[in-house]
Protein backbone atom coordinates (compact mmCIF):
# COMPACT_ATOMS: atom_id res chain seq x y z
CA MET A 1 10.18 6.27 -13.54
CA VAL A 2 11.83 7.04 -10.09
CA ALA A 3 14.04 9.18 -12.32
CA ASP A 4 11.01 11.38 -14.00
CA GLU A 5 9.02 11.77 -11.02
CA LYS A 6 11.87 11.86 -8.16
CA PRO A 7 9.68 11.29 -5.26
CA ASP A 8 9.99 12.30 -1.40
CA VAL A 9 9.04 8.83 -0.17
CA ILE A 10 8.23 5.50 -1.62
CA GLY A 11 5.08 3.37 0.60
CA LEU A 12 5.52 0.05 -0.36
CA GLU A 13 2.46 -2.72 0.99
CA ASP A 14 4.08 -5.57 2.34
CA ILE A 15 3.77 -8.61 0.94
CA GLN A 16 1.72 -12.03 2.02
CA GLN A 17 1.69 -15.34 0.95
CA GLN A 18 -1.98 -15.37 -0.32
CA GLY A 19 -0.98 -17.48 -3.26
CA GLY A 20 0.75 -19.93 -4.67
CA VAL A 21 4.90 -19.84 -3.82
CA LYS A 22 5.91 -18.44 -7.61
CA THR A 23 3.69 -15.41 -6.31
CA PHE A 24 5.08 -14.87 -2.99
CA GLN A 25 8.78 -15.50 -4.50
CA VAL A 26 8.33 -12.45 -7.19
CA LEU A 27 6.53 -10.52 -4.67
CA ALA A 28 9.40 -10.59 -2.90
CA ASN A 29 12.42 -10.12 -5.06
CA LEU A 30 9.77 -7.11 -6.56
CA GLN A 31 9.97 -5.07 -3.43
CA GLY A 32 13.67 -5.98 -3.11
CA VAL A 33 14.21 -4.12 -5.87
CA ILE A 34 11.64 -1.27 -5.42
CA SER A 35 13.65 -0.80 -2.35
CA PHE A 36 17.12 -0.81 -3.25
CA ILE A 37 16.55 1.11 -6.00
CA ALA A 38 14.87 3.75 -3.56
CA TYR A 39 17.73 3.35 -1.12
CA LYS A 40 20.53 4.30 -4.16
CA ASN A 41 18.55 7.35 -5.08
CA GLY A 42 18.53 8.63 -1.08
CA ILE A 43 14.90 8.14 -1.83
CA GLU A 44 12.61 7.21 2.00
CA TYR A 45 10.70 4.72 1.86
CA HIS A 46 8.50 1.93 3.96
CA ILE A 47 7.64 -1.19 3.78
CA VAL A 48 4.09 -1.10 5.55
CA ARG A 49 1.49 -4.06 6.72
CA PRO A 50 -1.90 -4.43 4.94
CA THR A 51 -3.47 -4.14 8.77
CA GLU A 52 -1.29 -1.85 9.88
CA TRP A 53 -2.38 1.33 6.90
CA ARG A 54 -5.98 -0.31 6.77
CA ALA A 55 -6.50 0.27 10.57
CA GLU A 56 -5.91 3.66 10.47
CA HIS A 57 -9.18 4.58 8.22
CA CYS A 58 -11.52 2.44 10.14
CA ILE A 59 -11.35 -0.92 7.28
CA LYS A 60 -12.72 -3.44 8.70
CA GLN A 61 -10.39 -6.93 9.23
CA GLY A 62 -9.77 -9.66 10.97
CA ARG A 63 -11.95 -13.39 11.19
CA GLY A 64 -14.75 -13.28 8.89
CA ILE A 65 -13.62 -9.82 6.78
CA LYS A 66 -12.97 -11.23 2.70
CA ARG A 67 -10.05 -9.43 1.41
CA LYS A 68 -12.61 -8.39 -1.66
CA GLN A 69 -14.79 -6.62 1.02
CA GLN A 70 -11.79 -5.11 2.79
CA LYS A 71 -11.19 -3.80 -1.20
CA ILE A 72 -14.29 -2.53 -1.79
CA ASP A 73 -13.82 -0.60 1.52
CA THR A 74 -11.21 1.01 0.77
CA GLN A 75 -12.89 1.95 -2.31
CA LEU A 76 -15.45 3.50 -0.49
CA TRP A 77 -12.95 5.13 1.65
CA VAL A 78 -11.59 6.94 -0.84
CA ARG A 79 -14.61 8.00 -2.29
CA GLU A 80 -16.39 9.41 0.32
CA GLN A 81 -12.75 11.12 2.19
CA PHE A 82 -11.43 12.11 -1.62
CA GLY A 83 -14.25 11.91 -4.26
CA ILE A 84 -12.46 9.87 -6.40
CA GLU A 85 -13.36 6.66 -7.90
CA CYS A 86 -10.91 4.14 -9.18
CA ASP A 87 -9.88 0.41 -9.24
CA GLU A 88 -9.10 -1.59 -5.79
CA ASP A 89 -5.57 -1.49 -6.54
CA SER A 90 -5.58 2.53 -7.13
CA ALA A 91 -7.29 2.63 -3.49
CA ASP A 92 -5.03 0.43 -1.52
CA ALA A 93 -2.60 3.00 -3.40
CA ILE A 94 -4.19 6.25 -1.97
CA GLY A 95 -4.66 4.39 1.38
CA ILE A 96 -0.99 3.66 1.89
CA GLY A 97 0.11 7.23 0.88
CA TRP A 98 -2.02 8.68 2.98
CA TYR A 99 -1.14 6.40 6.16
CA LEU A 100 1.68 7.32 5.38
CA TYR A 101 0.77 11.15 5.51
CA LYS A 102 -0.56 10.58 8.05
CA ILE A 103 2.16 8.79 10.56
CA SER A 104 4.53 11.64 9.34
CA GLU A 105 2.35 14.40 10.75
CA ARG A 106 2.72 12.45 14.44
């Protein structure tokens, strides 16, 4: 995909221990492989904490705000900002990409 698309920047959401240890290990390994591919191809990459990019878009966070509600709020934000209807994973990707774009302007 990197060879075909030739991205300028890759944004990854940082991993969190939410499920079992095995899932966390798989995600950690995947994050390492993607970071390595980016590095070897001279592509700038950023690993962004979910709280960091959500705060930029005013997605409610903290105690009492469930993950499911954050996902819905992110989808609503994408719809309002860009007029795009999408699933929660695509909404998160758009949110991370937009966050990286905004901080690159600073």
